Protein backbone atom coordinates (compact mmCIF):
# COMPACT_ATOMS: atom_id res chain seq x y z
CA UNK A 1 0.00 0.00 0.00
CA UNK A 2 1.54 3.30 -1.09
CA UNK A 3 2.18 6.28 1.17
CA UNK A 4 0.26 8.43 -1.31
CA UNK A 5 -2.91 6.37 -0.82
CA UNK A 6 -2.75 6.94 2.91
CA UNK A 7 -2.15 10.67 2.47
CA UNK A 8 -5.02 10.94 0.01
CA UNK A 9 -7.35 9.13 2.37
CA UNK A 10 -6.62 11.36 5.36
CA UNK A 11 -6.76 14.53 3.28
CA UNK A 12 -10.21 13.51 2.05
CA UNK A 13 -11.33 12.45 5.53
CA UNK A 14 -10.21 15.60 7.36
CA UNK A 15 -13.65 17.17 7.77
CA UNK A 16 -15.21 13.99 9.13
CA UNK A 17 -12.28 12.59 11.12
CA UNK A 18 -13.51 13.86 14.49
CA UNK A 19 -16.77 11.95 13.97
CA UNK A 20 -14.70 8.88 14.89
CA UNK A 21 -13.59 10.33 18.22
CA UNK A 22 -17.05 11.71 19.00
CA UNK A 23 -18.99 8.62 17.89
CA UNK A 24 -21.13 10.65 15.50
CA UNK A 25 -23.07 9.33 12.53
CA UNK A 26 -21.64 6.10 11.12
CA UNK A 27 -19.30 5.78 14.11
CA UNK A 28 -22.04 5.43 16.71
CA UNK A 29 -22.58 1.86 17.85
CA UNK A 30 -25.33 2.53 20.37
CA UNK A 31 -25.35 3.94 23.92
CA UNK A 32 -23.49 1.12 25.64
CA UNK A 33 -20.62 0.81 23.16
CA UNK A 34 -20.33 4.57 22.79
CA UNK A 35 -20.18 5.01 26.56
CA UNK A 36 -17.42 2.40 26.79
CA UNK A 37 -15.54 4.17 24.01
CA UNK A 38 -15.78 7.51 25.81
CA UNK A 39 -14.62 6.01 29.09
CA UNK A 40 -11.58 4.46 27.44
CA UNK A 41 -10.84 7.61 25.42
CA UNK A 42 -10.89 9.61 28.66
CA UNK A 43 -8.58 7.03 30.26
CA UNK A 44 -6.17 7.34 27.33
CA UNK A 45 -6.09 11.12 27.77
CA UNK A 46 -5.47 10.80 31.50
CA UNK A 47 -2.64 8.34 30.82
CA UNK A 48 -1.04 10.72 28.33
CA UNK A 49 -1.34 13.60 30.75
CA UNK A 50 0.45 11.55 33.42
CA UNK A 51 3.61 11.16 31.32
CA UNK A 52 6.72 13.33 31.81
CA UNK A 53 6.21 15.31 28.61
CA UNK A 54 7.88 18.70 28.68
CA UNK A 55 10.24 20.99 26.81
CA UNK A 56 10.41 20.64 23.03
CA UNK A 57 7.61 18.26 21.99
CA UNK A 58 6.98 16.92 18.48
CA UNK A 59 3.65 15.40 17.46
CA UNK A 60 3.99 13.33 14.29
CA UNK A 61 1.02 12.59 12.00
CA UNK A 62 -1.05 14.89 14.18
CA UNK A 63 -4.13 14.95 11.97
CA UNK A 64 -6.87 17.17 13.35
CA UNK A 65 -4.97 17.62 16.60
CA UNK A 66 -7.27 15.80 19.00
CA UNK A 67 -4.44 15.32 21.51
CA UNK A 68 -2.60 18.54 20.68
CA UNK A 69 -4.14 20.81 23.37
CA UNK A 70 -2.90 18.48 26.09
CA UNK A 71 0.59 18.50 24.60
CA UNK A 72 0.63 22.26 24.00
CA UNK A 73 0.01 22.83 27.71
CA UNK A 74 3.07 20.75 28.60
CA UNK A 75 5.78 22.36 26.47
CA UNK A 76 6.67 23.95 23.16
CA UNK A 77 4.70 21.87 20.67
CA UNK A 78 5.56 21.32 17.02
CA UNK A 79 2.61 19.73 15.25
CA UNK A 80 3.30 17.97 11.96
CA UNK A 81 1.16 16.18 9.39
CA UNK A 82 1.64 15.23 5.75
CA UNK A 83 -1.61 17.01 4.78
CA UNK A 84 -2.65 20.63 5.17
CA UNK A 85 -6.39 19.90 5.46
CA UNK A 86 -6.40 18.36 8.96
CA UNK A 87 -3.87 20.92 10.19
CA UNK A 88 -6.40 23.70 9.59
CA UNK A 89 -8.71 21.95 12.05
CA UNK A 90 -5.87 21.36 14.50
CA UNK A 91 -4.93 25.04 14.40
CA UNK A 92 -8.53 26.08 15.07
CA UNK A 93 -8.77 23.60 17.95
CA UNK A 94 -5.73 25.11 19.62
CA UNK A 95 -6.78 28.70 18.93
CA UNK A 96 -10.22 28.11 20.45
CA UNK A 97 -8.46 27.16 23.69
CA UNK A 98 -5.99 30.05 23.59
CA UNK A 99 -3.12 27.69 22.81
CA UNK A 100 -0.51 27.71 20.09
CA UNK A 101 1.98 25.44 18.38
CA UNK A 102 4.35 25.42 15.45
CA UNK A 103 2.21 23.83 12.74
CA UNK A 104 3.82 22.53 9.58
CA UNK A 105 3.06 20.22 6.67
CA UNK A 106 5.73 17.58 7.21
CA UNK A 107 5.60 13.87 6.52
CA UNK A 108 6.08 11.57 9.50
CA UNK A 109 8.87 9.87 7.56
CA UNK A 110 10.87 13.09 7.11
CA UNK A 111 14.27 13.08 8.78
CA UNK A 112 14.48 14.94 12.09
CA UNK A 113 15.80 18.50 11.95
CA UNK A 114 16.79 18.60 15.64
CA UNK A 115 16.74 16.55 18.84
CA UNK A 116 13.72 17.08 21.09
CA UNK A 117 12.51 16.11 24.55
CA UNK A 118 9.41 14.15 23.58
CA UNK A 119 7.68 12.64 20.55
CA UNK A 120 4.02 11.65 20.46
CA UNK A 121 1.98 9.76 17.86
CA UNK A 122 -1.75 9.14 18.00
CA UNK A 123 -3.06 6.32 15.77
CA UNK A 124 -0.10 6.44 13.42
CA UNK A 125 2.04 3.36 14.10
CA UNK A 126 -0.88 1.17 13.03
CA UNK A 127 -0.37 2.62 9.54
CA UNK A 128 3.34 1.72 9.41
CA UNK A 129 3.85 -1.56 7.49
CA UNK A 130 5.46 -4.37 9.42
CA UNK A 131 8.51 -4.37 7.15
CA UNK A 132 9.09 -0.67 7.87
CA UNK A 133 8.41 -0.54 11.61
CA UNK A 134 12.07 -0.87 12.63
CA UNK A 135 13.03 1.98 10.27
CA UNK A 136 10.30 4.23 11.62
CA UNK A 137 11.13 3.58 15.27
CA UNK A 138 14.79 4.30 14.46
CA UNK A 139 13.63 7.63 13.06
CA UNK A 140 11.72 8.30 16.29
CA UNK A 141 14.87 7.51 18.27
CA UNK A 142 16.78 9.97 16.09
CA UNK A 143 14.25 12.69 16.97
CA UNK A 144 14.86 12.31 20.69
CA UNK A 145 17.55 13.54 23.01
CA UNK A 146 19.03 10.84 25.24
CA UNK A 147 16.50 10.28 28.00
CA UNK A 148 13.68 11.73 25.93
CA UNK A 149 10.18 10.25 25.99
CA UNK A 150 8.32 8.51 23.17
CA UNK A 151 4.56 8.13 23.67
CA UNK A 152 1.90 6.57 21.49
CA UNK A 153 -1.79 5.84 21.52
CA UNK A 154 -3.16 3.44 18.94
CA UNK A 155 -5.95 1.03 18.09
CA UNK A 156 -6.91 -2.41 19.27
CA UNK A 157 -8.93 -4.56 16.92
CA UNK A 158 -12.57 -4.26 17.90
CA UNK A 159 -15.58 -4.46 15.56
CA UNK A 160 -17.12 -1.39 17.21
CA UNK A 161 -14.07 0.83 16.85
CA UNK A 162 -14.56 1.82 13.23
CA UNK A 163 -17.61 2.91 11.25
CA UNK A 164 -20.65 0.66 11.08
CA UNK A 165 -20.21 0.24 7.32
CA UNK A 166 -16.49 -0.60 7.36
CA UNK A 167 -15.63 -4.24 6.57
CA UNK A 168 -13.61 -6.18 9.13
CA UNK A 169 -9.88 -5.54 8.54
CA UNK A 170 -7.76 -8.46 7.37
CA UNK A 171 -4.19 -9.14 6.25
CA UNK A 172 -3.03 -5.82 7.77
CA UNK A 173 -5.36 -3.90 5.43
CA UNK A 174 -8.56 -2.00 6.07
CA UNK A 175 -11.14 -0.77 3.57
CA UNK A 176 -12.46 2.65 4.58
CA UNK A 177 -15.52 4.45 3.23
CA UNK A 178 -16.09 8.20 3.47
CA UNK A 179 -19.42 9.94 3.92
CA UNK A 180 -19.43 10.77 0.22
CA UNK A 181 -19.04 7.10 -0.74
CA UNK A 182 -15.38 7.11 -1.79
CA UNK A 183 -13.39 4.06 -0.71
CA UNK A 184 -9.72 3.63 0.17
CA UNK A 185 -7.76 0.55 1.21
CA UNK A 186 -5.05 1.42 3.72
CA UNK A 187 -2.51 -0.32 5.93
CA UNK A 188 -3.91 -0.89 9.43
CA UNK A 189 -1.97 -3.13 11.81
CA UNK A 190 -3.18 -3.90 15.31
CA UNK A 191 0.10 -4.24 17.17
CA UNK A 192 0.05 -6.20 20.42
CA UNK A 193 1.80 -4.83 23.52
CA UNK A 194 4.37 -7.66 23.30
CA UNK A 195 5.15 -6.87 19.65
CA UNK A 196 5.49 -3.16 20.31
CA UNK A 197 7.64 -3.51 23.41
CA UNK A 198 10.02 -5.79 21.52
CA UNK A 199 10.19 -3.40 18.57
CA UNK A 200 10.89 -0.43 20.83
CA UNK A 201 13.68 -2.27 22.63
CA UNK A 202 15.26 -3.26 19.31
CA UNK A 203 15.17 0.39 18.19
CA UNK A 204 17.22 1.64 21.12
CA UNK A 205 14.54 2.46 23.67
CA UNK A 206 14.54 1.40 27.30
CA UNK A 207 11.80 1.06 29.91
CA UNK A 208 9.24 0.35 27.21
CA UNK A 209 5.76 -0.16 28.65
CA UNK A 210 2.78 -0.87 26.41
CA UNK A 211 -0.61 -1.45 27.99
CA UNK A 212 -4.11 -1.69 26.64
CA UNK A 213 -7.55 -0.54 27.62
CA UNK A 214 -10.23 -3.24 27.84
CA UNK A 215 -11.43 -2.89 24.24
CA UNK A 216 -10.22 -0.07 22.07
CA UNK A 217 -6.69 1.30 22.62
CA UNK A 218 -3.05 0.53 23.26
CA UNK A 219 -0.97 3.03 25.23
CA UNK A 220 2.79 2.94 24.91
CA UNK A 221 5.73 4.82 26.35
CA UNK A 222 9.50 4.35 26.18
CA UNK A 223 12.68 6.27 26.92
CA UNK A 224 15.46 6.96 24.45
CA UNK A 225 18.56 5.17 25.72
CA UNK A 226 21.29 7.39 27.14
C-alpha atoms as a PDB file:
ATOM      1  CA  UNK A   1       0.000   0.000   0.000  1.00  0.00           C
ATOM      2  CA  UNK A   2       1.544   3.297  -1.088  1.00  0.00           C
ATOM      3  CA  UNK A   3       2.177   6.278   1.171  1.00  0.00           C
ATOM      4  CA  UNK A   4       0.264   8.433  -1.307  1.00  0.00           C
ATOM      5  CA  UNK A   5      -2.912   6.369  -0.825  1.00  0.00           C
ATOM      6  CA  UNK A   6      -2.753   6.935   2.912  1.00  0.00           C
ATOM      7  CA  UNK A   7      -2.149  10.667   2.471  1.00  0.00           C
ATOM      8  CA  UNK A   8      -5.024  10.944   0.007  1.00  0.00           C
ATOM      9  CA  UNK A   9      -7.348   9.126   2.374  1.00  0.00           C
ATOM     10  CA  UNK A  10      -6.621  11.359   5.360  1.00  0.00           C
ATOM     11  CA  UNK A  11      -6.763  14.526   3.276  1.00  0.00           C
ATOM     12  CA  UNK A  12     -10.208  13.507   2.046  1.00  0.00           C
ATOM     13  CA  UNK A  13     -11.325  12.454   5.534  1.00  0.00           C
ATOM     14  CA  UNK A  14     -10.206  15.601   7.359  1.00  0.00           C
ATOM     15  CA  UNK A  15     -13.648  17.174   7.769  1.00  0.00           C
ATOM     16  CA  UNK A  16     -15.210  13.994   9.133  1.00  0.00           C
ATOM     17  CA  UNK A  17     -12.283  12.588  11.121  1.00  0.00           C
ATOM     18  CA  UNK A  18     -13.505  13.857  14.489  1.00  0.00           C
ATOM     19  CA  UNK A  19     -16.765  11.949  13.971  1.00  0.00           C
ATOM     20  CA  UNK A  20     -14.701   8.879  14.893  1.00  0.00           C
ATOM     21  CA  UNK A  21     -13.591  10.333  18.216  1.00  0.00           C
ATOM     22  CA  UNK A  22     -17.046  11.714  19.001  1.00  0.00           C
ATOM     23  CA  UNK A  23     -18.994   8.621  17.887  1.00  0.00           C
ATOM     24  CA  UNK A  24     -21.132  10.651  15.500  1.00  0.00           C
ATOM     25  CA  UNK A  25     -23.072   9.333  12.526  1.00  0.00           C
ATOM     26  CA  UNK A  26     -21.638   6.097  11.120  1.00  0.00           C
ATOM     27  CA  UNK A  27     -19.303   5.777  14.113  1.00  0.00           C
ATOM     28  CA  UNK A  28     -22.040   5.435  16.707  1.00  0.00           C
ATOM     29  CA  UNK A  29     -22.584   1.856  17.852  1.00  0.00           C
ATOM     30  CA  UNK A  30     -25.333   2.534  20.371  1.00  0.00           C
ATOM     31  CA  UNK A  31     -25.349   3.943  23.920  1.00  0.00           C
ATOM     32  CA  UNK A  32     -23.489   1.116  25.636  1.00  0.00           C
ATOM     33  CA  UNK A  33     -20.621   0.810  23.157  1.00  0.00           C
ATOM     34  CA  UNK A  34     -20.333   4.575  22.790  1.00  0.00           C
ATOM     35  CA  UNK A  35     -20.181   5.009  26.561  1.00  0.00           C
ATOM     36  CA  UNK A  36     -17.420   2.405  26.794  1.00  0.00           C
ATOM     37  CA  UNK A  37     -15.541   4.169  24.009  1.00  0.00           C
ATOM     38  CA  UNK A  38     -15.781   7.511  25.808  1.00  0.00           C
ATOM     39  CA  UNK A  39     -14.623   6.009  29.090  1.00  0.00           C
ATOM     40  CA  UNK A  40     -11.580   4.455  27.437  1.00  0.00           C
ATOM     41  CA  UNK A  41     -10.837   7.606  25.424  1.00  0.00           C
ATOM     42  CA  UNK A  42     -10.886   9.608  28.659  1.00  0.00           C
ATOM     43  CA  UNK A  43      -8.580   7.034  30.258  1.00  0.00           C
ATOM     44  CA  UNK A  44      -6.168   7.341  27.330  1.00  0.00           C
ATOM     45  CA  UNK A  45      -6.094  11.117  27.766  1.00  0.00           C
ATOM     46  CA  UNK A  46      -5.472  10.799  31.503  1.00  0.00           C
ATOM     47  CA  UNK A  47      -2.645   8.340  30.817  1.00  0.00           C
ATOM     48  CA  UNK A  48      -1.043  10.723  28.333  1.00  0.00           C
ATOM     49  CA  UNK A  49      -1.340  13.600  30.753  1.00  0.00           C
ATOM     50  CA  UNK A  50       0.452  11.552  33.422  1.00  0.00           C
ATOM     51  CA  UNK A  51       3.606  11.159  31.322  1.00  0.00           C
ATOM     52  CA  UNK A  52       6.720  13.331  31.812  1.00  0.00           C
ATOM     53  CA  UNK A  53       6.211  15.308  28.607  1.00  0.00           C
ATOM     54  CA  UNK A  54       7.878  18.698  28.675  1.00  0.00           C
ATOM     55  CA  UNK A  55      10.243  20.994  26.808  1.00  0.00           C
ATOM     56  CA  UNK A  56      10.408  20.637  23.027  1.00  0.00           C
ATOM     57  CA  UNK A  57       7.613  18.256  21.994  1.00  0.00           C
ATOM     58  CA  UNK A  58       6.975  16.922  18.483  1.00  0.00           C
ATOM     59  CA  UNK A  59       3.654  15.397  17.457  1.00  0.00           C
ATOM     60  CA  UNK A  60       3.988  13.325  14.288  1.00  0.00           C
ATOM     61  CA  UNK A  61       1.023  12.590  11.996  1.00  0.00           C
ATOM     62  CA  UNK A  62      -1.054  14.890  14.181  1.00  0.00           C
ATOM     63  CA  UNK A  63      -4.130  14.946  11.966  1.00  0.00           C
ATOM     64  CA  UNK A  64      -6.866  17.168  13.350  1.00  0.00           C
ATOM     65  CA  UNK A  65      -4.970  17.624  16.604  1.00  0.00           C
ATOM     66  CA  UNK A  66      -7.270  15.800  18.997  1.00  0.00           C
ATOM     67  CA  UNK A  67      -4.435  15.319  21.514  1.00  0.00           C
ATOM     68  CA  UNK A  68      -2.596  18.542  20.683  1.00  0.00           C
ATOM     69  CA  UNK A  69      -4.139  20.811  23.369  1.00  0.00           C
ATOM     70  CA  UNK A  70      -2.900  18.479  26.086  1.00  0.00           C
ATOM     71  CA  UNK A  71       0.590  18.504  24.598  1.00  0.00           C
ATOM     72  CA  UNK A  72       0.627  22.260  23.995  1.00  0.00           C
ATOM     73  CA  UNK A  73       0.014  22.828  27.713  1.00  0.00           C
ATOM     74  CA  UNK A  74       3.073  20.755  28.598  1.00  0.00           C
ATOM     75  CA  UNK A  75       5.780  22.361  26.471  1.00  0.00           C
ATOM     76  CA  UNK A  76       6.672  23.953  23.157  1.00  0.00           C
ATOM     77  CA  UNK A  77       4.699  21.872  20.671  1.00  0.00           C
ATOM     78  CA  UNK A  78       5.555  21.318  17.020  1.00  0.00           C
ATOM     79  CA  UNK A  79       2.613  19.731  15.255  1.00  0.00           C
ATOM     80  CA  UNK A  80       3.303  17.968  11.956  1.00  0.00           C
ATOM     81  CA  UNK A  81       1.162  16.185   9.393  1.00  0.00           C
ATOM     82  CA  UNK A  82       1.635  15.234   5.750  1.00  0.00           C
ATOM     83  CA  UNK A  83      -1.614  17.008   4.785  1.00  0.00           C
ATOM     84  CA  UNK A  84      -2.655  20.625   5.170  1.00  0.00           C
ATOM     85  CA  UNK A  85      -6.393  19.901   5.461  1.00  0.00           C
ATOM     86  CA  UNK A  86      -6.398  18.361   8.963  1.00  0.00           C
ATOM     87  CA  UNK A  87      -3.868  20.920  10.193  1.00  0.00           C
ATOM     88  CA  UNK A  88      -6.400  23.697   9.586  1.00  0.00           C
ATOM     89  CA  UNK A  89      -8.715  21.945  12.045  1.00  0.00           C
ATOM     90  CA  UNK A  90      -5.865  21.363  14.500  1.00  0.00           C
ATOM     91  CA  UNK A  91      -4.929  25.035  14.397  1.00  0.00           C
ATOM     92  CA  UNK A  92      -8.530  26.084  15.074  1.00  0.00           C
ATOM     93  CA  UNK A  93      -8.768  23.601  17.952  1.00  0.00           C
ATOM     94  CA  UNK A  94      -5.732  25.110  19.623  1.00  0.00           C
ATOM     95  CA  UNK A  95      -6.784  28.700  18.927  1.00  0.00           C
ATOM     96  CA  UNK A  96     -10.224  28.112  20.448  1.00  0.00           C
ATOM     97  CA  UNK A  97      -8.465  27.164  23.691  1.00  0.00           C
ATOM     98  CA  UNK A  98      -5.995  30.055  23.592  1.00  0.00           C
ATOM     99  CA  UNK A  99      -3.123  27.686  22.813  1.00  0.00           C
ATOM    100  CA  UNK A 100      -0.512  27.710  20.086  1.00  0.00           C
ATOM    101  CA  UNK A 101       1.975  25.438  18.380  1.00  0.00           C
ATOM    102  CA  UNK A 102       4.346  25.424  15.455  1.00  0.00           C
ATOM    103  CA  UNK A 103       2.208  23.832  12.740  1.00  0.00           C
ATOM    104  CA  UNK A 104       3.821  22.529   9.578  1.00  0.00           C
ATOM    105  CA  UNK A 105       3.061  20.215   6.673  1.00  0.00           C
ATOM    106  CA  UNK A 106       5.726  17.580   7.205  1.00  0.00           C
ATOM    107  CA  UNK A 107       5.605  13.871   6.517  1.00  0.00           C
ATOM    108  CA  UNK A 108       6.075  11.572   9.499  1.00  0.00           C
ATOM    109  CA  UNK A 109       8.874   9.869   7.565  1.00  0.00           C
ATOM    110  CA  UNK A 110      10.866  13.091   7.109  1.00  0.00           C
ATOM    111  CA  UNK A 111      14.269  13.077   8.784  1.00  0.00           C
ATOM    112  CA  UNK A 112      14.476  14.942  12.094  1.00  0.00           C
ATOM    113  CA  UNK A 113      15.796  18.501  11.951  1.00  0.00           C
ATOM    114  CA  UNK A 114      16.789  18.599  15.639  1.00  0.00           C
ATOM    115  CA  UNK A 115      16.735  16.550  18.840  1.00  0.00           C
ATOM    116  CA  UNK A 116      13.719  17.076  21.091  1.00  0.00           C
ATOM    117  CA  UNK A 117      12.513  16.105  24.551  1.00  0.00           C
ATOM    118  CA  UNK A 118       9.407  14.155  23.581  1.00  0.00           C
ATOM    119  CA  UNK A 119       7.679  12.643  20.553  1.00  0.00           C
ATOM    120  CA  UNK A 120       4.016  11.651  20.460  1.00  0.00           C
ATOM    121  CA  UNK A 121       1.976   9.761  17.865  1.00  0.00           C
ATOM    122  CA  UNK A 122      -1.754   9.141  17.997  1.00  0.00           C
ATOM    123  CA  UNK A 123      -3.063   6.323  15.774  1.00  0.00           C
ATOM    124  CA  UNK A 124      -0.102   6.436  13.421  1.00  0.00           C
ATOM    125  CA  UNK A 125       2.036   3.362  14.103  1.00  0.00           C
ATOM    126  CA  UNK A 126      -0.876   1.167  13.033  1.00  0.00           C
ATOM    127  CA  UNK A 127      -0.365   2.618   9.536  1.00  0.00           C
ATOM    128  CA  UNK A 128       3.335   1.719   9.409  1.00  0.00           C
ATOM    129  CA  UNK A 129       3.847  -1.557   7.485  1.00  0.00           C
ATOM    130  CA  UNK A 130       5.460  -4.374   9.421  1.00  0.00           C
ATOM    131  CA  UNK A 131       8.509  -4.366   7.149  1.00  0.00           C
ATOM    132  CA  UNK A 132       9.090  -0.669   7.868  1.00  0.00           C
ATOM    133  CA  UNK A 133       8.407  -0.541  11.608  1.00  0.00           C
ATOM    134  CA  UNK A 134      12.068  -0.871  12.628  1.00  0.00           C
ATOM    135  CA  UNK A 135      13.030   1.978  10.275  1.00  0.00           C
ATOM    136  CA  UNK A 136      10.297   4.227  11.616  1.00  0.00           C
ATOM    137  CA  UNK A 137      11.130   3.584  15.265  1.00  0.00           C
ATOM    138  CA  UNK A 138      14.786   4.297  14.459  1.00  0.00           C
ATOM    139  CA  UNK A 139      13.630   7.633  13.056  1.00  0.00           C
ATOM    140  CA  UNK A 140      11.721   8.302  16.290  1.00  0.00           C
ATOM    141  CA  UNK A 141      14.868   7.511  18.269  1.00  0.00           C
ATOM    142  CA  UNK A 142      16.785   9.973  16.089  1.00  0.00           C
ATOM    143  CA  UNK A 143      14.249  12.689  16.972  1.00  0.00           C
ATOM    144  CA  UNK A 144      14.864  12.308  20.694  1.00  0.00           C
ATOM    145  CA  UNK A 145      17.548  13.540  23.013  1.00  0.00           C
ATOM    146  CA  UNK A 146      19.033  10.835  25.242  1.00  0.00           C
ATOM    147  CA  UNK A 147      16.502  10.277  28.003  1.00  0.00           C
ATOM    148  CA  UNK A 148      13.679  11.730  25.933  1.00  0.00           C
ATOM    149  CA  UNK A 149      10.183  10.246  25.986  1.00  0.00           C
ATOM    150  CA  UNK A 150       8.318   8.509  23.173  1.00  0.00           C
ATOM    151  CA  UNK A 151       4.563   8.128  23.672  1.00  0.00           C
ATOM    152  CA  UNK A 152       1.901   6.572  21.494  1.00  0.00           C
ATOM    153  CA  UNK A 153      -1.795   5.841  21.519  1.00  0.00           C
ATOM    154  CA  UNK A 154      -3.157   3.438  18.937  1.00  0.00           C
ATOM    155  CA  UNK A 155      -5.948   1.026  18.087  1.00  0.00           C
ATOM    156  CA  UNK A 156      -6.907  -2.408  19.275  1.00  0.00           C
ATOM    157  CA  UNK A 157      -8.928  -4.555  16.920  1.00  0.00           C
ATOM    158  CA  UNK A 158     -12.570  -4.256  17.901  1.00  0.00           C
ATOM    159  CA  UNK A 159     -15.582  -4.461  15.563  1.00  0.00           C
ATOM    160  CA  UNK A 160     -17.124  -1.392  17.212  1.00  0.00           C
ATOM    161  CA  UNK A 161     -14.073   0.827  16.848  1.00  0.00           C
ATOM    162  CA  UNK A 162     -14.561   1.820  13.227  1.00  0.00           C
ATOM    163  CA  UNK A 163     -17.615   2.913  11.245  1.00  0.00           C
ATOM    164  CA  UNK A 164     -20.647   0.656  11.084  1.00  0.00           C
ATOM    165  CA  UNK A 165     -20.206   0.237   7.317  1.00  0.00           C
ATOM    166  CA  UNK A 166     -16.491  -0.600   7.356  1.00  0.00           C
ATOM    167  CA  UNK A 167     -15.628  -4.239   6.567  1.00  0.00           C
ATOM    168  CA  UNK A 168     -13.608  -6.183   9.126  1.00  0.00           C
ATOM    169  CA  UNK A 169      -9.877  -5.541   8.536  1.00  0.00           C
ATOM    170  CA  UNK A 170      -7.762  -8.465   7.370  1.00  0.00           C
ATOM    171  CA  UNK A 171      -4.188  -9.136   6.250  1.00  0.00           C
ATOM    172  CA  UNK A 172      -3.027  -5.820   7.770  1.00  0.00           C
ATOM    173  CA  UNK A 173      -5.362  -3.901   5.430  1.00  0.00           C
ATOM    174  CA  UNK A 174      -8.557  -1.995   6.073  1.00  0.00           C
ATOM    175  CA  UNK A 175     -11.141  -0.766   3.568  1.00  0.00           C
ATOM    176  CA  UNK A 176     -12.465   2.653   4.579  1.00  0.00           C
ATOM    177  CA  UNK A 177     -15.518   4.454   3.235  1.00  0.00           C
ATOM    178  CA  UNK A 178     -16.090   8.199   3.471  1.00  0.00           C
ATOM    179  CA  UNK A 179     -19.424   9.936   3.918  1.00  0.00           C
ATOM    180  CA  UNK A 180     -19.427  10.773   0.217  1.00  0.00           C
ATOM    181  CA  UNK A 181     -19.036   7.103  -0.743  1.00  0.00           C
ATOM    182  CA  UNK A 182     -15.379   7.109  -1.786  1.00  0.00           C
ATOM    183  CA  UNK A 183     -13.390   4.059  -0.707  1.00  0.00           C
ATOM    184  CA  UNK A 184      -9.719   3.628   0.174  1.00  0.00           C
ATOM    185  CA  UNK A 185      -7.763   0.554   1.210  1.00  0.00           C
ATOM    186  CA  UNK A 186      -5.053   1.422   3.716  1.00  0.00           C
ATOM    187  CA  UNK A 187      -2.513  -0.322   5.929  1.00  0.00           C
ATOM    188  CA  UNK A 188      -3.911  -0.886   9.426  1.00  0.00           C
ATOM    189  CA  UNK A 189      -1.970  -3.130  11.812  1.00  0.00           C
ATOM    190  CA  UNK A 190      -3.182  -3.901  15.308  1.00  0.00           C
ATOM    191  CA  UNK A 191       0.096  -4.236  17.172  1.00  0.00           C
ATOM    192  CA  UNK A 192       0.052  -6.195  20.419  1.00  0.00           C
ATOM    193  CA  UNK A 193       1.802  -4.834  23.517  1.00  0.00           C
ATOM    194  CA  UNK A 194       4.369  -7.656  23.298  1.00  0.00           C
ATOM    195  CA  UNK A 195       5.152  -6.865  19.651  1.00  0.00           C
ATOM    196  CA  UNK A 196       5.491  -3.156  20.307  1.00  0.00           C
ATOM    197  CA  UNK A 197       7.637  -3.510  23.411  1.00  0.00           C
ATOM    198  CA  UNK A 198      10.024  -5.794  21.521  1.00  0.00           C
ATOM    199  CA  UNK A 199      10.192  -3.395  18.567  1.00  0.00           C
ATOM    200  CA  UNK A 200      10.890  -0.429  20.831  1.00  0.00           C
ATOM    201  CA  UNK A 201      13.682  -2.275  22.629  1.00  0.00           C
ATOM    202  CA  UNK A 202      15.260  -3.259  19.311  1.00  0.00           C
ATOM    203  CA  UNK A 203      15.170   0.386  18.187  1.00  0.00           C
ATOM    204  CA  UNK A 204      17.219   1.643  21.118  1.00  0.00           C
ATOM    205  CA  UNK A 205      14.541   2.460  23.670  1.00  0.00           C
ATOM    206  CA  UNK A 206      14.538   1.399  27.298  1.00  0.00           C
ATOM    207  CA  UNK A 207      11.803   1.061  29.914  1.00  0.00           C
ATOM    208  CA  UNK A 208       9.236   0.353  27.207  1.00  0.00           C
ATOM    209  CA  UNK A 209       5.761  -0.156  28.648  1.00  0.00           C
ATOM    210  CA  UNK A 210       2.780  -0.871  26.410  1.00  0.00           C
ATOM    211  CA  UNK A 211      -0.611  -1.454  27.988  1.00  0.00           C
ATOM    212  CA  UNK A 212      -4.113  -1.686  26.643  1.00  0.00           C
ATOM    213  CA  UNK A 213      -7.553  -0.538  27.616  1.00  0.00           C
ATOM    214  CA  UNK A 214     -10.225  -3.237  27.837  1.00  0.00           C
ATOM    215  CA  UNK A 215     -11.428  -2.887  24.235  1.00  0.00           C
ATOM    216  CA  UNK A 216     -10.219  -0.067  22.067  1.00  0.00           C
ATOM    217  CA  UNK A 217      -6.694   1.301  22.619  1.00  0.00           C
ATOM    218  CA  UNK A 218      -3.046   0.526  23.261  1.00  0.00           C
ATOM    219  CA  UNK A 219      -0.974   3.031  25.232  1.00  0.00           C
ATOM    220  CA  UNK A 220       2.791   2.941  24.913  1.00  0.00           C
ATOM    221  CA  UNK A 221       5.730   4.818  26.351  1.00  0.00           C
ATOM    222  CA  UNK A 222       9.497   4.355  26.175  1.00  0.00           C
ATOM    223  CA  UNK A 223      12.677   6.270  26.915  1.00  0.00           C
ATOM    224  CA  UNK A 224      15.464   6.964  24.452  1.00  0.00           C
ATOM    225  CA  UNK A 225      18.558   5.171  25.717  1.00  0.00           C
ATOM    226  CA  UNK A 226      21.291   7.394  27.139  1.00  0.00           C
END
